[in-house]
Amino acid sequence: MKKQQWTGWSAAGQQAQQHYLVEPRHLAGGGDLRHVTEYLRACGWKDKSKTGGPVVFDSPDKSVRIGYDPFTQPGGWTIRGKQTAHQEAWHATFGRHTPVEIVAGLTDALTTPRTAHAPNVWEPLLHQGWETEQGRHFTARSPDGDAFVRFHQSGPGQAHWWAGARNEHGRLWEATFTPTTPMHLVQAFSTALADPQPVMRPLGHIPPSRRIRTTSMSVLPSQLGAWQQARITAARAATWARHSFASNRSRTPPGARPYAGRSGRAR
């Protein structure tokens, strides 16, 4: 175990807390739910949770619901998309010990418009050195062999995706996606899963395993709050920019164009 003293903001009188950078991230354990939920809140999602009950968030247009239920077995995350004019109903599930940073790969992607690029689930995995194998299923495995993404197509429109991770004690978590899950969301998940950056966990929240590497850090509460706030601020700024752009477009009369003189520059 390595030890590292973090330097940064000065906060007289604050008591440093012990945290750890954990890698690989797929073995780091669940983490703080607020990494997902506060980002959704900052993006305008509605918190429908009831006191003492499961966590529930609805998208602004009510087409997607994200829930986390720790009270049932096996429990964990469920993301459901309603059928729309352009998308069949779909859902994805993540076990309760799926790292929140990996869950956020998909949930963050739900807050932004999809790009015009064709999604490729395998590309981010191969870029990080995952190896593929063809058998009954097509599988990609992490360099340490402890995480996988698997694909199987049983027929037209029946492309099943699932993933998971295990350590020396057994399976830690599993993720499943219905065949109708939008592929750009599955790619967002695989990108977060393959990310080599370690994730932070506080003392007492690291799964017991010889297969993880940790770096000890002394972190001030103000530092931790500033890092968390930076993510929320970025979400709010992106949401405001999208709404502002959409509002400006709606106010532009159809067919209106800037006048261009002989120079070709708009006036």
C-alpha atoms as a PDB file:
ATOM      1  CA  MET A   1       0.000   0.000   0.000  1.00  0.00           C
ATOM      2  CA  LYS A   2       1.392   3.375  -0.993  1.00  0.00           C
ATOM      3  CA  LYS A   3       0.884   6.557   1.028  1.00  0.00           C
ATOM      4  CA  GLN A   4       0.496  10.014  -0.398  1.00  0.00           C
ATOM      5  CA  GLN A   5      -0.055  13.417   1.260  1.00  0.00           C
ATOM      6  CA  TRP A   6      -2.449  15.532  -0.766  1.00  0.00           C
ATOM      7  CA  THR A   7      -1.604  19.229  -1.063  1.00  0.00           C
ATOM      8  CA  GLY A   8      -4.194  21.762  -2.070  1.00  0.00           C
ATOM      9  CA  TRP A   9      -6.647  24.085  -0.403  1.00  0.00           C
ATOM     10  CA  SER A  10      -5.707  25.361   3.033  1.00  0.00           C
ATOM     11  CA  ALA A  11      -8.370  24.969   5.685  1.00  0.00           C
ATOM     12  CA  ALA A  12      -7.202  25.797   9.189  1.00  0.00           C
ATOM     13  CA  GLY A  13      -8.768  23.706  11.903  1.00  0.00           C
ATOM     14  CA  GLN A  14     -10.098  20.975   9.632  1.00  0.00           C
ATOM     15  CA  GLN A  15      -9.330  17.378  10.480  1.00  0.00           C
ATOM     16  CA  ALA A  16      -7.911  15.379   7.567  1.00  0.00           C
ATOM     17  CA  GLN A  17      -9.721  12.133   6.783  1.00  0.00           C
ATOM     18  CA  GLN A  18      -8.203   8.921   5.515  1.00  0.00           C
ATOM     19  CA  HIS A  19      -9.214   7.981   1.979  1.00  0.00           C
ATOM     20  CA  TYR A  20      -7.806   5.609  -0.617  1.00  0.00           C
ATOM     21  CA  LEU A  21      -7.408   5.656  -4.359  1.00  0.00           C
ATOM     22  CA  VAL A  22      -8.448   2.190  -5.487  1.00  0.00           C
ATOM     23  CA  GLU A  23      -7.594   0.402  -8.721  1.00  0.00           C
ATOM     24  CA  PRO A  24      -8.797  -1.335 -10.759  1.00  0.00           C
ATOM     25  CA  ARG A  25     -12.082   0.502 -10.375  1.00  0.00           C
ATOM     26  CA  HIS A  26     -14.228  -2.548 -11.143  1.00  0.00           C
ATOM     27  CA  LEU A  27     -13.129  -4.080  -7.817  1.00  0.00           C
ATOM     28  CA  ALA A  28     -13.550  -0.913  -5.712  1.00  0.00           C
ATOM     29  CA  GLY A  29     -17.034  -1.565  -4.293  1.00  0.00           C
ATOM     30  CA  GLY A  30     -20.212   0.484  -4.601  1.00  0.00           C
ATOM     31  CA  GLY A  31     -19.189   3.932  -3.341  1.00  0.00           C
ATOM     32  CA  ASP A  32     -21.285   7.026  -2.545  1.00  0.00           C
ATOM     33  CA  LEU A  33     -24.694   7.074  -4.284  1.00  0.00           C
ATOM     34  CA  ARG A  34     -24.547  10.866  -4.434  1.00  0.00           C
ATOM     35  CA  HIS A  35     -21.974  10.572  -7.225  1.00  0.00           C
ATOM     36  CA  VAL A  36     -24.949   9.518  -9.384  1.00  0.00           C
ATOM     37  CA  THR A  37     -27.908  11.210  -7.715  1.00  0.00           C
ATOM     38  CA  GLU A  38     -26.502  14.715  -7.209  1.00  0.00           C
ATOM     39  CA  TYR A  39     -25.421  14.831 -10.832  1.00  0.00           C
ATOM     40  CA  LEU A  40     -28.949  13.890 -11.919  1.00  0.00           C
ATOM     41  CA  ARG A  41     -30.397  16.544  -9.622  1.00  0.00           C
ATOM     42  CA  ALA A  42     -28.059  19.165 -11.091  1.00  0.00           C
ATOM     43  CA  CYS A  43     -29.266  18.183 -14.571  1.00  0.00           C
ATOM     44  CA  GLY A  44     -32.895  18.839 -13.670  1.00  0.00           C
ATOM     45  CA  TRP A  45     -34.006  15.292 -12.857  1.00  0.00           C
ATOM     46  CA  LYS A  46     -36.776  15.034 -10.274  1.00  0.00           C
ATOM     47  CA  ASP A  47     -36.156  13.271  -6.973  1.00  0.00           C
ATOM     48  CA  LYS A  48     -39.173  11.021  -6.363  1.00  0.00           C
ATOM     49  CA  SER A  49     -37.639   9.163  -3.429  1.00  0.00           C
ATOM     50  CA  LYS A  50     -39.668   8.656  -0.266  1.00  0.00           C
ATOM     51  CA  THR A  51     -38.150   8.922   3.186  1.00  0.00           C
ATOM     52  CA  GLY A  52     -36.801   5.543   4.224  1.00  0.00           C
ATOM     53  CA  GLY A  53     -37.510   4.020   0.822  1.00  0.00           C
ATOM     54  CA  PRO A  54     -35.603   3.337  -2.398  1.00  0.00           C
ATOM     55  CA  VAL A  55     -33.905   6.128  -4.334  1.00  0.00           C
ATOM     56  CA  VAL A  56     -35.977   7.171  -7.378  1.00  0.00           C
ATOM     57  CA  PHE A  57     -35.220   9.838  -9.990  1.00  0.00           C
ATOM     58  CA  ASP A  58     -37.272  10.714 -13.085  1.00  0.00           C
ATOM     59  CA  SER A  59     -35.942  12.457 -16.180  1.00  0.00           C
ATOM     60  CA  PRO A  60     -37.372  15.917 -16.938  1.00  0.00           C
ATOM     61  CA  ASP A  61     -39.570  14.472 -19.717  1.00  0.00           C
ATOM     62  CA  LYS A  62     -40.531  11.470 -17.533  1.00  0.00           C
ATOM     63  CA  SER A  63     -39.308   9.011 -20.177  1.00  0.00           C
ATOM     64  CA  VAL A  64     -36.615   7.430 -17.960  1.00  0.00           C
ATOM     65  CA  ARG A  65     -36.663   6.378 -14.303  1.00  0.00           C
ATOM     66  CA  ILE A  66     -33.549   5.519 -12.298  1.00  0.00           C
ATOM     67  CA  GLY A  67     -33.896   3.652  -9.027  1.00  0.00           C
ATOM     68  CA  TYR A  68     -31.630   2.227  -6.369  1.00  0.00           C
ATOM     69  CA  ASP A  69     -33.123  -0.261  -3.919  1.00  0.00           C
ATOM     70  CA  PRO A  70     -30.926  -1.567  -1.071  1.00  0.00           C
ATOM     71  CA  PHE A  71     -33.861  -3.185   0.733  1.00  0.00           C
ATOM     72  CA  THR A  72     -34.589  -6.101  -1.590  1.00  0.00           C
ATOM     73  CA  GLN A  73     -32.500  -9.016  -2.795  1.00  0.00           C
ATOM     74  CA  PRO A  74     -30.372  -8.855  -4.810  1.00  0.00           C
ATOM     75  CA  GLY A  75     -31.032  -5.087  -4.837  1.00  0.00           C
ATOM     76  CA  GLY A  76     -29.103  -2.446  -6.714  1.00  0.00           C
ATOM     77  CA  TRP A  77     -29.765  -0.108  -9.624  1.00  0.00           C
ATOM     78  CA  THR A  78     -32.575  -0.326 -12.177  1.00  0.00           C
ATOM     79  CA  ILE A  79     -32.812   2.090 -15.099  1.00  0.00           C
ATOM     80  CA  ARG A  80     -36.014   1.946 -17.176  1.00  0.00           C
ATOM     81  CA  GLY A  81     -36.799   3.773 -20.383  1.00  0.00           C
ATOM     82  CA  LYS A  82     -40.395   4.106 -21.586  1.00  0.00           C
ATOM     83  CA  GLN A  83     -41.383   3.415 -25.155  1.00  0.00           C
ATOM     84  CA  THR A  84     -41.310   6.552 -27.299  1.00  0.00           C
ATOM     85  CA  ALA A  85     -41.893   7.351 -30.958  1.00  0.00           C
ATOM     86  CA  HIS A  86     -38.231   6.621 -31.692  1.00  0.00           C
ATOM     87  CA  GLN A  87     -37.273   4.074 -29.027  1.00  0.00           C
ATOM     88  CA  GLU A  88     -38.648   0.801 -27.687  1.00  0.00           C
ATOM     89  CA  ALA A  89     -38.989   0.334 -23.945  1.00  0.00           C
ATOM     90  CA  TRP A  90     -35.734  -0.832 -22.323  1.00  0.00           C
ATOM     91  CA  HIS A  91     -34.090  -1.377 -18.979  1.00  0.00           C
ATOM     92  CA  ALA A  92     -30.683  -1.997 -17.472  1.00  0.00           C
ATOM     93  CA  THR A  93     -29.727  -3.313 -14.047  1.00  0.00           C
ATOM     94  CA  PHE A  94     -26.586  -3.031 -11.912  1.00  0.00           C
ATOM     95  CA  GLY A  95     -25.841  -5.018  -8.766  1.00  0.00           C
ATOM     96  CA  ARG A  96     -25.564  -3.012  -5.548  1.00  0.00           C
ATOM     97  CA  HIS A  97     -21.778  -3.388  -5.444  1.00  0.00           C
ATOM     98  CA  THR A  98     -21.271  -1.945  -8.928  1.00  0.00           C
ATOM     99  CA  PRO A  99     -18.973   1.084  -8.478  1.00  0.00           C
ATOM    100  CA  VAL A 100     -21.000   4.300  -8.757  1.00  0.00           C
ATOM    101  CA  GLU A 101     -18.428   5.709 -11.178  1.00  0.00           C
ATOM    102  CA  ILE A 102     -19.271   2.878 -13.595  1.00  0.00           C
ATOM    103  CA  VAL A 103     -23.040   3.267 -13.119  1.00  0.00           C
ATOM    104  CA  ALA A 104     -22.565   6.992 -13.774  1.00  0.00           C
ATOM    105  CA  GLY A 105     -21.109   6.199 -17.179  1.00  0.00           C
ATOM    106  CA  LEU A 106     -24.635   5.270 -18.272  1.00  0.00           C
ATOM    107  CA  THR A 107     -26.657   7.634 -16.096  1.00  0.00           C
ATOM    108  CA  ASP A 108     -24.550  10.673 -17.047  1.00  0.00           C
ATOM    109  CA  ALA A 109     -25.078   9.800 -20.717  1.00  0.00           C
ATOM    110  CA  LEU A 110     -28.852   9.951 -20.151  1.00  0.00           C
ATOM    111  CA  THR A 111     -28.556  13.659 -19.364  1.00  0.00           C
ATOM    112  CA  THR A 112     -26.993  14.628 -22.703  1.00  0.00           C
ATOM    113  CA  PRO A 113     -28.165  14.326 -26.327  1.00  0.00           C
ATOM    114  CA  ARG A 114     -26.745  11.336 -28.150  1.00  0.00           C
ATOM    115  CA  THR A 115     -24.137  12.073 -30.796  1.00  0.00           C
ATOM    116  CA  ALA A 116     -24.466  11.286 -34.488  1.00  0.00           C
ATOM    117  CA  HIS A 117     -21.588   8.810 -34.321  1.00  0.00           C
ATOM    118  CA  ALA A 118     -22.421   5.112 -34.507  1.00  0.00           C
ATOM    119  CA  PRO A 119     -21.771   3.585 -31.058  1.00  0.00           C
ATOM    120  CA  ASN A 120     -19.104   0.911 -30.620  1.00  0.00           C
ATOM    121  CA  VAL A 121     -19.233  -0.900 -27.279  1.00  0.00           C
ATOM    122  CA  TRP A 122     -15.919  -2.704 -27.833  1.00  0.00           C
ATOM    123  CA  GLU A 123     -13.772   0.264 -28.853  1.00  0.00           C
ATOM    124  CA  PRO A 124     -13.120   1.737 -25.353  1.00  0.00           C
ATOM    125  CA  LEU A 125     -12.381  -1.746 -24.002  1.00  0.00           C
ATOM    126  CA  LEU A 126      -9.897  -2.618 -26.749  1.00  0.00           C
ATOM    127  CA  HIS A 127      -8.274   0.803 -26.362  1.00  0.00           C
ATOM    128  CA  GLN A 128      -7.474  -0.085 -22.731  1.00  0.00           C
ATOM    129  CA  GLY A 129      -6.002  -3.481 -23.567  1.00  0.00           C
ATOM    130  CA  TRP A 130      -8.994  -5.728 -22.949  1.00  0.00           C
ATOM    131  CA  GLU A 131      -8.768  -9.041 -24.773  1.00  0.00           C
ATOM    132  CA  THR A 132     -11.613 -10.577 -26.761  1.00  0.00           C
ATOM    133  CA  GLU A 133     -12.567 -14.196 -27.235  1.00  0.00           C
ATOM    134  CA  GLN A 134     -15.131 -15.876 -29.457  1.00  0.00           C
ATOM    135  CA  GLY A 135     -17.028 -18.854 -28.115  1.00  0.00           C
ATOM    136  CA  ARG A 136     -20.663 -19.429 -27.350  1.00  0.00           C
ATOM    137  CA  HIS A 137     -20.652 -15.691 -26.555  1.00  0.00           C
ATOM    138  CA  PHE A 138     -18.386 -12.885 -27.706  1.00  0.00           C
ATOM    139  CA  THR A 139     -16.494 -11.723 -24.609  1.00  0.00           C
ATOM    140  CA  ALA A 140     -14.037  -8.975 -23.713  1.00  0.00           C
ATOM    141  CA  ARG A 141     -11.961  -9.422 -20.549  1.00  0.00           C
ATOM    142  CA  SER A 142     -10.025  -6.844 -18.568  1.00  0.00           C
ATOM    143  CA  PRO A 143      -6.219  -7.127 -18.459  1.00  0.00           C
ATOM    144  CA  ASP A 144      -6.424  -8.550 -14.913  1.00  0.00           C
ATOM    145  CA  GLY A 145      -9.078 -11.080 -16.002  1.00  0.00           C
ATOM    146  CA  ASP A 146     -11.470 -10.006 -13.241  1.00  0.00           C
ATOM    147  CA  ALA A 147     -14.048  -8.052 -15.312  1.00  0.00           C
ATOM    148  CA  PHE A 148     -15.885  -8.933 -18.495  1.00  0.00           C
ATOM    149  CA  VAL A 149     -18.360  -7.629 -21.050  1.00  0.00           C
ATOM    150  CA  ARG A 150     -20.297 -10.280 -22.970  1.00  0.00           C
ATOM    151  CA  PHE A 151     -22.531 -10.244 -26.038  1.00  0.00           C
ATOM    152  CA  HIS A 152     -24.837 -12.901 -27.420  1.00  0.00           C
ATOM    153  CA  GLN A 153     -27.329 -12.654 -30.251  1.00  0.00           C
ATOM    154  CA  SER A 154     -29.933 -15.412 -30.245  1.00  0.00           C
ATOM    155  CA  GLY A 155     -31.902 -13.975 -33.154  1.00  0.00           C
ATOM    156  CA  PRO A 156     -32.834 -10.786 -34.989  1.00  0.00           C
ATOM    157  CA  GLY A 157     -33.348  -8.033 -32.445  1.00  0.00           C
ATOM    158  CA  GLN A 158     -32.147 -10.287 -29.601  1.00  0.00           C
ATOM    159  CA  ALA A 159     -28.714  -8.852 -28.868  1.00  0.00           C
ATOM    160  CA  HIS A 160     -28.085  -9.465 -25.172  1.00  0.00           C
ATOM    161  CA  TRP A 161     -25.339  -7.622 -23.309  1.00  0.00           C
ATOM    162  CA  TRP A 162     -24.165  -8.290 -19.782  1.00  0.00           C
ATOM    163  CA  ALA A 163     -21.066  -7.579 -17.732  1.00  0.00           C
ATOM    164  CA  GLY A 164     -19.610  -8.159 -14.307  1.00  0.00           C
ATOM    165  CA  ALA A 165     -16.569  -8.417 -12.071  1.00  0.00           C
ATOM    166  CA  ARG A 166     -15.220 -10.857  -9.515  1.00  0.00           C
ATOM    167  CA  ASN A 167     -12.298 -11.161  -7.112  1.00  0.00           C
ATOM    168  CA  GLU A 168     -10.798 -14.135  -5.297  1.00  0.00           C
ATOM    169  CA  HIS A 169     -13.918 -14.379  -3.114  1.00  0.00           C
ATOM    170  CA  GLY A 170     -16.389 -14.656  -5.991  1.00  0.00           C
ATOM    171  CA  ARG A 171     -18.721 -12.459  -8.038  1.00  0.00           C
ATOM    172  CA  LEU A 172     -18.852  -8.827  -6.893  1.00  0.00           C
ATOM    173  CA  TRP A 173     -21.456  -7.397  -9.252  1.00  0.00           C
ATOM    174  CA  GLU A 174     -23.241  -7.938 -12.531  1.00  0.00           C
ATOM    175  CA  ALA A 175     -24.880  -5.619 -15.061  1.00  0.00           C
ATOM    176  CA  THR A 176     -27.526  -6.590 -17.609  1.00  0.00           C
ATOM    177  CA  PHE A 177     -29.036  -4.756 -20.567  1.00  0.00           C
ATOM    178  CA  THR A 178     -32.179  -5.660 -22.485  1.00  0.00           C
ATOM    179  CA  PRO A 179     -31.815  -6.049 -26.277  1.00  0.00           C
ATOM    180  CA  THR A 180     -33.607  -2.725 -26.748  1.00  0.00           C
ATOM    181  CA  THR A 181     -31.172  -0.723 -24.603  1.00  0.00           C
ATOM    182  CA  PRO A 182     -29.776   2.118 -26.765  1.00  0.00           C
ATOM    183  CA  MET A 183     -26.270   1.171 -27.850  1.00  0.00           C
ATOM    184  CA  HIS A 184     -24.788   4.570 -27.049  1.00  0.00           C
ATOM    185  CA  LEU A 185     -25.723   3.933 -23.405  1.00  0.00           C
ATOM    186  CA  VAL A 186     -24.033   0.522 -23.407  1.00  0.00           C
ATOM    187  CA  GLN A 187     -20.949   2.169 -24.897  1.00  0.00           C
ATOM    188  CA  ALA A 188     -21.043   4.863 -22.195  1.00  0.00           C
ATOM    189  CA  PHE A 189     -21.066   2.060 -19.632  1.00  0.00           C
ATOM    190  CA  SER A 190     -18.146   0.212 -21.268  1.00  0.00           C
ATOM    191  CA  THR A 191     -16.160   3.462 -21.440  1.00  0.00           C
ATOM    192  CA  ALA A 192     -16.579   4.035 -17.708  1.00  0.00           C
ATOM    193  CA  LEU A 193     -15.797   0.387 -16.968  1.00  0.00           C
ATOM    194  CA  ALA A 194     -12.564   0.461 -18.973  1.00  0.00           C
ATOM    195  CA  ASP A 195     -11.368   3.806 -17.550  1.00  0.00           C
ATOM    196  CA  PRO A 196      -7.957   3.131 -15.945  1.00  0.00           C
ATOM    197  CA  GLN A 197      -8.270   6.025 -13.484  1.00  0.00           C
ATOM    198  CA  PRO A 198      -8.566   4.881  -9.841  1.00  0.00           C
ATOM    199  CA  VAL A 199     -11.615   5.811  -7.763  1.00  0.00           C
ATOM    200  CA  MET A 200     -11.676   7.193  -4.222  1.00  0.00           C
ATOM    201  CA  ARG A 201     -13.084   5.356  -1.222  1.00  0.00           C
ATOM    202  CA  PRO A 202     -13.058   6.348   2.471  1.00  0.00           C
ATOM    203  CA  LEU A 203     -11.481   4.264   5.197  1.00  0.00           C
ATOM    204  CA  GLY A 204     -13.591   1.194   5.925  1.00  0.00           C
ATOM    205  CA  HIS A 205     -15.269   1.060   2.498  1.00  0.00           C
ATOM    206  CA  ILE A 206     -12.773  -1.006   0.517  1.00  0.00           C
ATOM    207  CA  PRO A 207     -13.644  -4.632  -0.321  1.00  0.00           C
ATOM    208  CA  PRO A 208     -11.157  -7.091   1.192  1.00  0.00           C
ATOM    209  CA  SER A 209      -9.118  -8.351  -1.735  1.00  0.00           C
ATOM    210  CA  ARG A 210      -5.513  -8.984  -2.655  1.00  0.00           C
ATOM    211  CA  ARG A 211      -6.336  -8.050  -6.256  1.00  0.00           C
ATOM    212  CA  ILE A 212      -6.743  -4.326  -5.673  1.00  0.00           C
ATOM    213  CA  ARG A 213      -4.079  -1.659  -5.349  1.00  0.00           C
ATOM    214  CA  THR A 214      -4.577   1.256  -2.975  1.00  0.00           C
ATOM    215  CA  THR A 215      -2.899   4.602  -2.416  1.00  0.00           C
ATOM    216  CA  SER A 216      -3.493   6.138   1.003  1.00  0.00           C
ATOM    217  CA  MET A 217      -4.457   9.839   1.059  1.00  0.00           C
ATOM    218  CA  SER A 218      -5.165  12.395   3.784  1.00  0.00           C
ATOM    219  CA  VAL A 219      -8.081  14.494   2.518  1.00  0.00           C
ATOM    220  CA  LEU A 220      -9.613  17.585   4.114  1.00  0.00           C
ATOM    221  CA  PRO A 221     -13.428  17.818   4.086  1.00  0.00           C
ATOM    222  CA  SER A 222     -13.164  21.060   2.111  1.00  0.00           C
ATOM    223  CA  GLN A 223     -11.112  19.309  -0.553  1.00  0.00           C
ATOM    224  CA  LEU A 224     -13.598  16.495  -0.873  1.00  0.00           C
ATOM    225  CA  GLY A 225     -16.482  18.968  -1.032  1.00  0.00           C
ATOM    226  CA  ALA A 226     -14.725  21.004  -3.727  1.00  0.00           C
ATOM    227  CA  TRP A 227     -14.166  17.930  -5.922  1.00  0.00           C
ATOM    228  CA  GLN A 228     -17.778  16.885  -5.552  1.00  0.00           C
ATOM    229  CA  GLN A 229     -19.005  20.421  -6.244  1.00  0.00           C
ATOM    230  CA  ALA A 230     -16.908  20.649  -9.413  1.00  0.00           C
ATOM    231  CA  ARG A 231     -18.809  17.699 -10.903  1.00  0.00           C
ATOM    232  CA  ILE A 232     -22.172  19.240  -9.944  1.00  0.00           C
ATOM    233  CA  THR A 233     -21.184  22.649 -11.303  1.00  0.00           C
ATOM    234  CA  ALA A 234     -20.172  21.097 -14.625  1.00  0.00           C
ATOM    235  CA  ALA A 235     -23.553  19.338 -14.847  1.00  0.00           C
ATOM    236  CA  ARG A 236     -25.445  22.562 -14.148  1.00  0.00           C
ATOM    237  CA  ALA A 237     -23.402  24.517 -16.676  1.00  0.00           C
ATOM    238  CA  ALA A 238     -23.939  21.930 -19.429  1.00  0.00           C
ATOM    239  CA  THR A 239     -27.675  21.767 -18.671  1.00  0.00           C
ATOM    240  CA  TRP A 240     -27.997  25.566 -18.730  1.00  0.00           C
ATOM    241  CA  ALA A 241     -26.094  25.758 -22.041  1.00  0.00           C
ATOM    242  CA  ARG A 242     -28.373  23.181 -23.687  1.00  0.00           C
ATOM    243  CA  HIS A 243     -31.535  24.879 -22.447  1.00  0.00           C
ATOM    244  CA  SER A 244     -30.247  28.294 -23.526  1.00  0.00           C
ATOM    245  CA  PHE A 245     -29.401  27.010 -27.005  1.00  0.00           C
ATOM    246  CA  ALA A 246     -32.800  25.336 -27.362  1.00  0.00           C
ATOM    247  CA  SER A 247     -34.563  28.484 -26.152  1.00  0.00           C
ATOM    248  CA  ASN A 248     -32.684  30.700 -28.614  1.00  0.00           C
ATOM    249  CA  ARG A 249     -33.477  28.356 -31.487  1.00  0.00           C
ATOM    250  CA  SER A 250     -37.172  28.367 -30.622  1.00  0.00           C
ATOM    251  CA  ARG A 251     -37.210  32.196 -30.753  1.00  0.00           C
ATOM    252  CA  THR A 252     -35.584  32.350 -34.210  1.00  0.00           C
ATOM    253  CA  PRO A 253     -38.302  32.782 -36.909  1.00  0.00           C
ATOM    254  CA  PRO A 254     -38.367  29.935 -39.468  1.00  0.00           C
ATOM    255  CA  GLY A 255     -36.227  30.770 -42.464  1.00  0.00           C
ATOM    256  CA  ALA A 256     -34.503  33.669 -40.736  1.00  0.00           C
ATOM    257  CA  ARG A 257     -30.868  34.044 -41.734  1.00  0.00           C
ATOM    258  CA  PRO A 258     -28.209  36.673 -40.932  1.00  0.00           C
ATOM    259  CA  TYR A 259     -27.770  39.159 -43.793  1.00  0.00           C
ATOM    260  CA  ALA A 260     -24.480  38.684 -45.617  1.00  0.00           C
ATOM    261  CA  GLY A 261     -23.096  41.503 -47.703  1.00  0.00           C
ATOM    262  CA  ARG A 262     -20.593  41.248 -50.521  1.00  0.00           C
ATOM    263  CA  SER A 263     -17.852  40.401 -48.071  1.00  0.00           C
ATOM    264  CA  GLY A 264     -19.751  37.232 -47.187  1.00  0.00           C
ATOM    265  CA  ARG A 265     -19.713  38.104 -43.500  1.00  0.00           C
ATOM    266  CA  ALA A 266     -22.957  38.086 -41.564  1.00  0.00           C
ATOM    267  CA  ARG A 267     -24.241  41.485 -40.414  1.00  0.00           C
END
